[in-house]
Protein backbone atom coordinates (compact mmCIF):
# COMPACT_ATOMS: atom_id res chain seq x y z
CA UNK A 1 106.41 -22.08 57.72
CA UNK A 2 106.96 -18.38 58.24
CA UNK A 3 104.55 -17.54 55.40
CA UNK A 4 101.91 -19.82 56.93
CA UNK A 5 102.29 -18.12 60.34
CA UNK A 6 101.97 -14.67 58.76
CA UNK A 7 98.85 -15.82 56.95
CA UNK A 8 97.33 -17.15 60.18
CA UNK A 9 98.17 -13.90 61.95
CA UNK A 10 96.39 -11.89 59.26
CA UNK A 11 93.31 -14.08 59.63
CA UNK A 12 93.33 -13.68 63.41
CA UNK A 13 93.83 -9.89 63.28
CA UNK A 14 90.48 -8.10 63.66
CA UNK A 15 89.47 -5.86 60.82
CA UNK A 16 88.93 -2.22 61.61
CA UNK A 17 85.44 -1.01 60.91
CA UNK A 18 85.10 1.39 58.01
CA UNK A 19 82.96 3.59 60.29
CA UNK A 20 85.77 4.00 62.86
CA UNK A 21 87.28 7.22 61.41
CA UNK A 22 83.81 8.79 61.24
CA UNK A 23 83.04 7.71 64.81
CA UNK A 24 86.27 9.24 66.10
CA UNK A 25 85.82 12.50 64.20
CA UNK A 26 82.07 12.93 64.67
CA UNK A 27 82.23 14.72 68.10
CA UNK A 28 84.56 17.35 66.68
CA UNK A 29 82.40 17.65 63.56
CA UNK A 30 79.22 18.09 65.65
CA UNK A 31 80.94 20.70 67.83
CA UNK A 32 82.14 22.56 64.72
CA UNK A 33 78.67 22.54 63.17
CA UNK A 34 76.81 23.64 66.32
CA UNK A 35 79.18 26.34 67.51
CA UNK A 36 80.77 27.62 64.30
CA UNK A 37 78.88 26.88 61.09
CA UNK A 38 75.37 27.25 62.55
CA UNK A 39 75.99 30.66 64.20
CA UNK A 40 77.77 31.79 61.03
CA UNK A 41 74.78 30.72 58.94
CA UNK A 42 72.39 32.53 61.30
CA UNK A 43 74.44 35.73 61.02
CA UNK A 44 74.58 35.44 57.23
CA UNK A 45 70.83 34.80 56.86
CA UNK A 46 69.83 37.55 59.31
CA UNK A 47 71.80 40.08 57.29
CA UNK A 48 69.22 39.68 54.49
CA UNK A 49 66.10 39.86 56.72
CA UNK A 50 64.02 42.96 57.27
CA UNK A 51 63.09 43.06 60.97
CA UNK A 52 60.48 45.45 62.29
CA UNK A 53 60.76 47.48 65.50
CA UNK A 54 58.63 44.83 67.22
CA UNK A 55 61.20 42.18 66.32
CA UNK A 56 59.10 40.43 63.68
CA UNK A 57 60.55 39.29 60.34
CA UNK A 58 58.82 41.29 57.57
CA UNK A 59 60.66 39.95 54.52
CA UNK A 60 63.96 39.80 52.67
CA UNK A 61 65.95 42.90 51.78
CA UNK A 62 69.37 43.93 50.48
CA UNK A 63 69.13 47.34 52.14
CA UNK A 64 71.46 46.45 55.00
CA UNK A 65 74.05 44.99 52.63
CA UNK A 66 74.04 48.02 50.32
CA UNK A 67 74.27 50.28 53.41
CA UNK A 68 77.78 48.98 54.04
CA UNK A 69 78.92 49.52 50.47
CA UNK A 70 79.38 53.20 51.31
CA UNK A 71 82.95 54.55 51.05
CA UNK A 72 83.33 54.98 54.82
CA UNK A 73 82.73 51.29 55.50
CA UNK A 74 84.69 50.11 52.49
CA UNK A 75 87.59 52.15 53.85
CA UNK A 76 87.29 50.30 57.17
CA UNK A 77 87.45 46.96 55.33
CA UNK A 78 90.40 48.17 53.25
CA UNK A 79 92.28 49.35 56.34
CA UNK A 80 91.67 45.98 58.01
CA UNK A 81 93.01 44.16 54.96
CA UNK A 82 96.11 46.34 54.96
CA UNK A 83 96.60 45.75 58.68
CA UNK A 84 96.21 41.97 58.29
CA UNK A 85 98.47 41.82 55.22
CA UNK A 86 101.16 43.98 56.87
CA UNK A 87 101.06 41.86 60.01
CA UNK A 88 101.34 38.61 58.02
CA UNK A 89 104.24 39.94 55.92
CA UNK A 90 106.17 41.28 58.92
CA UNK A 91 105.62 38.05 60.85
CA UNK A 92 106.81 36.05 57.83
CA UNK A 93 109.93 38.21 57.49
CA UNK A 94 110.82 37.58 61.13
CA UNK A 95 109.58 34.00 61.42
CA UNK A 96 111.31 32.46 58.40
CA UNK A 97 114.90 33.18 59.56
CA UNK A 98 113.90 32.23 63.10
CA UNK A 99 112.41 28.90 61.98
CA UNK A 100 115.50 28.29 59.82
CA UNK A 101 117.76 28.92 62.80
CA UNK A 102 115.69 26.66 65.05
CA UNK A 103 115.82 23.84 62.49
CA UNK A 104 119.39 23.92 61.20
CA UNK A 105 121.56 25.96 63.59
CA UNK A 106 120.27 25.43 67.13
CA UNK A 107 120.49 21.72 67.80
CA UNK A 108 121.72 22.37 71.31
CA UNK A 109 119.24 25.05 72.40
CA UNK A 110 116.27 24.08 70.22
CA UNK A 111 114.00 22.97 73.07
CA UNK A 112 114.84 26.04 75.13
CA UNK A 113 114.09 28.41 72.24
CA UNK A 114 110.83 26.62 71.45
CA UNK A 115 109.87 26.89 75.12
CA UNK A 116 110.58 30.63 75.11
CA UNK A 117 108.47 30.97 71.97
CA UNK A 118 105.45 29.21 73.46
CA UNK A 119 105.61 30.35 77.09
CA UNK A 120 103.83 33.75 76.47
CA UNK A 121 100.64 31.79 75.75
CA UNK A 122 100.72 30.51 79.33
CA UNK A 123 99.93 33.99 80.67
CA UNK A 124 96.87 36.18 80.35
CA UNK A 125 96.53 38.22 77.16
CA UNK A 126 95.79 41.44 79.07
CA UNK A 127 99.11 41.10 80.91
CA UNK A 128 100.88 41.20 77.54
CA UNK A 129 98.99 44.37 76.57
CA UNK A 130 99.72 46.17 79.83
CA UNK A 131 103.37 45.13 79.60
CA UNK A 132 103.57 46.86 76.23
CA UNK A 133 101.92 49.92 77.76
CA UNK A 134 104.95 50.26 80.05
CA UNK A 135 107.27 49.84 77.06
CA UNK A 136 105.55 52.29 74.69
CA UNK A 137 104.29 55.04 77.00
CA UNK A 138 106.00 58.41 77.19
CA UNK A 139 107.96 57.35 80.27
CA UNK A 140 108.39 53.82 78.97
CA UNK A 141 111.50 51.85 78.25
CA UNK A 142 111.84 52.86 74.59
CA UNK A 143 111.55 56.59 75.21
CA UNK A 144 113.90 56.44 78.21
CA UNK A 145 116.49 54.53 76.21
CA UNK A 146 116.27 56.88 73.19
CA UNK A 147 116.59 59.91 75.45
CA UNK A 148 119.50 58.32 77.33
CA UNK A 149 121.56 57.78 74.16
CA UNK A 150 120.62 61.27 72.90
CA UNK A 151 118.59 60.38 69.80
CA UNK A 152 115.50 62.33 70.98
CA UNK A 153 115.04 65.28 73.33
CA UNK A 154 111.35 64.83 74.15
CA UNK A 155 109.36 61.59 74.50
CA UNK A 156 107.73 60.14 71.39
CA UNK A 157 103.98 59.55 71.34
CA UNK A 158 103.64 55.86 70.48
CA UNK A 159 100.48 54.70 72.24
CA UNK A 160 97.15 55.00 70.38
CA UNK A 161 98.96 54.94 67.05
CA UNK A 162 99.15 52.42 64.17
CA UNK A 163 102.72 51.72 65.28
CA UNK A 164 101.52 50.48 68.69
CA UNK A 165 98.84 48.34 67.07
CA UNK A 166 101.33 46.76 64.66
CA UNK A 167 103.93 46.09 67.36
CA UNK A 168 101.38 44.26 69.50
CA UNK A 169 99.94 42.38 66.52
CA UNK A 170 103.37 41.11 65.43
CA UNK A 171 104.30 40.18 69.00
CA UNK A 172 101.09 38.20 69.52
CA UNK A 173 100.83 36.44 66.14
CA UNK A 174 104.51 35.66 65.53
CA UNK A 175 104.36 32.13 67.08
CA UNK A 176 101.47 31.25 64.74
CA UNK A 177 103.84 31.88 61.84
CA UNK A 178 106.95 30.27 63.33
CA UNK A 179 105.47 26.90 64.29
CA UNK A 180 104.12 25.84 60.83
CA UNK A 181 107.39 26.94 59.21
CA UNK A 182 109.45 25.09 61.78
CA UNK A 183 107.32 21.96 61.32
CA UNK A 184 107.77 22.12 57.54
CA UNK A 185 111.54 22.65 57.78
CA UNK A 186 111.86 19.72 60.17
CA UNK A 187 110.48 17.46 57.41
CA UNK A 188 113.16 18.44 54.87
CA UNK A 189 115.63 15.70 54.04
CA UNK A 190 119.08 17.15 54.77
CA UNK A 191 120.53 15.13 51.90
CA UNK A 192 118.70 17.44 49.46
CA UNK A 193 120.45 20.47 50.92
CA UNK A 194 123.82 18.72 50.92
CA UNK A 195 123.29 17.67 47.29
CA UNK A 196 122.55 21.26 46.36
CA UNK A 197 125.80 22.44 47.94
CA UNK A 198 127.74 19.58 46.32
CA UNK A 199 126.44 20.67 42.92
CA UNK A 200 127.85 24.15 43.46
CA UNK A 201 124.73 26.04 44.50
CA UNK A 202 125.16 29.02 46.79
CA UNK A 203 123.32 29.39 50.10
CA UNK A 204 120.82 31.81 48.57
CA UNK A 205 120.21 29.58 45.55
CA UNK A 206 119.69 26.57 47.85
CA UNK A 207 117.24 28.57 49.92
CA UNK A 208 115.30 29.76 46.88
CA UNK A 209 115.29 26.53 44.84
CA UNK A 210 115.29 23.83 47.56
CA UNK A 211 114.24 25.02 51.02
CA UNK A 212 111.59 27.55 50.02
CA UNK A 213 109.62 25.19 47.73
CA UNK A 214 109.75 22.44 50.35
CA UNK A 215 108.32 24.77 53.00
CA UNK A 216 105.63 26.24 50.77
CA UNK A 217 102.74 24.49 52.54
CA UNK A 218 104.04 25.52 55.96
CA UNK A 219 104.49 29.08 54.72
CA UNK A 220 100.94 29.19 53.39
CA UNK A 221 99.54 27.71 56.60
CA UNK A 222 101.39 30.20 58.79
CA UNK A 223 100.52 33.12 56.54
CA UNK A 224 96.79 32.48 56.74
CA UNK A 225 96.90 31.58 60.45
CA UNK A 226 98.08 35.17 60.89
CA UNK A 227 96.26 36.96 58.07
CA UNK A 228 92.70 35.71 58.69
CA UNK A 229 92.38 36.40 62.46
CA UNK A 230 94.28 39.69 62.07
CA UNK A 231 91.57 40.93 59.72
CA UNK A 232 88.89 40.71 62.40
CA UNK A 233 91.10 41.50 65.40
CA UNK A 234 89.20 43.52 67.99
CA UNK A 235 91.08 43.58 71.28
CA UNK A 236 94.47 44.81 70.09
CA UNK A 237 93.22 47.78 67.98
CA UNK A 238 90.79 48.70 70.76
CA UNK A 239 93.39 48.62 73.55
CA UNK A 240 96.47 49.85 71.70
CA UNK A 241 94.84 52.17 69.17
CA UNK A 242 92.09 53.81 71.18
CA UNK A 243 89.00 55.28 69.53
CA UNK A 244 90.83 57.01 66.69
CA UNK A 245 91.38 53.92 64.53
CA UNK A 246 88.45 51.93 63.17
CA UNK A 247 88.83 48.38 61.88
CA UNK A 248 86.40 45.58 61.05
CA UNK A 249 86.49 44.07 64.53
CA UNK A 250 85.80 47.37 66.32
CA UNK A 251 82.97 48.32 63.94
CA UNK A 252 81.27 44.91 64.28
CA UNK A 253 81.50 45.04 68.07
CA UNK A 254 79.97 48.53 68.17
CA UNK A 255 76.99 47.27 66.15
CA UNK A 256 76.56 43.90 67.89
CA UNK A 257 76.72 45.31 71.43
CA UNK A 258 73.78 47.61 70.67
CA UNK A 259 70.48 45.68 70.45
CA UNK A 260 69.00 48.20 68.03
CA UNK A 261 71.83 47.79 65.51
CA UNK A 262 72.70 44.11 65.99
CA UNK A 263 71.17 43.20 62.61
CA UNK A 264 73.42 45.80 60.97
CA UNK A 265 76.37 44.12 62.65
CA UNK A 266 75.33 40.83 61.03
CA UNK A 267 75.13 42.51 57.63
CA UNK A 268 78.55 44.12 58.01
CA UNK A 269 79.97 40.76 59.12
CA UNK A 270 78.65 39.19 55.90
CA UNK A 271 80.15 41.92 53.72
CA UNK A 272 83.51 41.79 55.51
CA UNK A 273 83.58 37.97 55.36
CA UNK A 274 83.08 37.99 51.59
CA UNK A 275 85.92 40.52 51.20
CA UNK A 276 88.15 38.41 53.43
CA UNK A 277 87.33 35.21 51.55
CA UNK A 278 88.09 36.76 48.15
CA UNK A 279 91.32 38.29 49.45
CA UNK A 280 92.45 35.01 51.02
CA UNK A 281 91.82 33.07 47.79
CA UNK A 282 93.74 35.62 45.73
CA UNK A 283 96.66 35.61 48.19
CA UNK A 284 96.75 31.81 48.24
CA UNK A 285 97.16 31.58 44.47
CA UNK A 286 99.60 34.50 44.46
CA UNK A 287 101.87 32.76 46.99
CA UNK A 288 101.50 29.51 45.07
CA UNK A 289 102.66 31.21 41.86
CA UNK A 290 105.46 33.22 43.46
CA UNK A 291 107.19 30.25 45.13
CA UNK A 292 108.66 27.88 42.50
CA UNK A 293 108.47 24.11 42.57
CA UNK A 294 106.28 21.69 44.46
CA UNK A 295 106.47 20.62 48.10
CA UNK A 296 106.62 16.85 47.89
CA UNK A 297 110.00 15.80 49.31
CA UNK A 298 110.10 14.90 53.02
CA UNK A 299 112.23 12.84 55.35
CA UNK A 300 111.72 9.11 55.12
């Protein structure tokens, strides 16, 4: 009787159309194509076009691409890669213990800590920058504290330096690293960790052989959520570093904002994008090789 009722229920249940997933995802796909892939394709194609002073397309050329293979521009790309890699590594160093603490040691205050982690995104970005101005300036909190405890006699110059840029980059991008790691750690079955301890493994060995492999995908996601946008970051180097430090974002903006050199900005964007893509692929496989095991165990 029960089997017959289940069979009747299956017959009565309407079948989902095979086109339903496509219908649901098509608006997002159209938006992505129109406002991301299409402008990116236009920038990439225009970098190979020779445009006359009158604005007419006169042919295809590699002159603009080879122009940015000069050492001065390659140095800008290299500095941006170092900045992005340093930011991602520092964020990972801070975020992994923080995500571990949120997952395993803060059951009581987890929601409060997550709220404190996310709440900075509810305020304007410029407010964050100006707040750090008051912290890092010569009469700021850091210099006053260091002078008060007697470590320094005169104020340190911290604004318009790589230190100021890195501090602001880590502060802004840290949540992008914490959240994927926290999400990955939340999926770990606690019985695996308990089994590791029962078999005599130390805390460090459990972290290296159990927790780290199971959070590999979250680590990779967080790393590239920080690394990729950091490479083209414009606002933070411009505001915290001044005119002395040139990175990919600042160079592209200087070309794009000038109508006479906008095509050069497109060419430099293409060159920098290729360098970023190659670097990201190499880093992905490097992380994949460095972390042992496979991430396949989750909570059921």
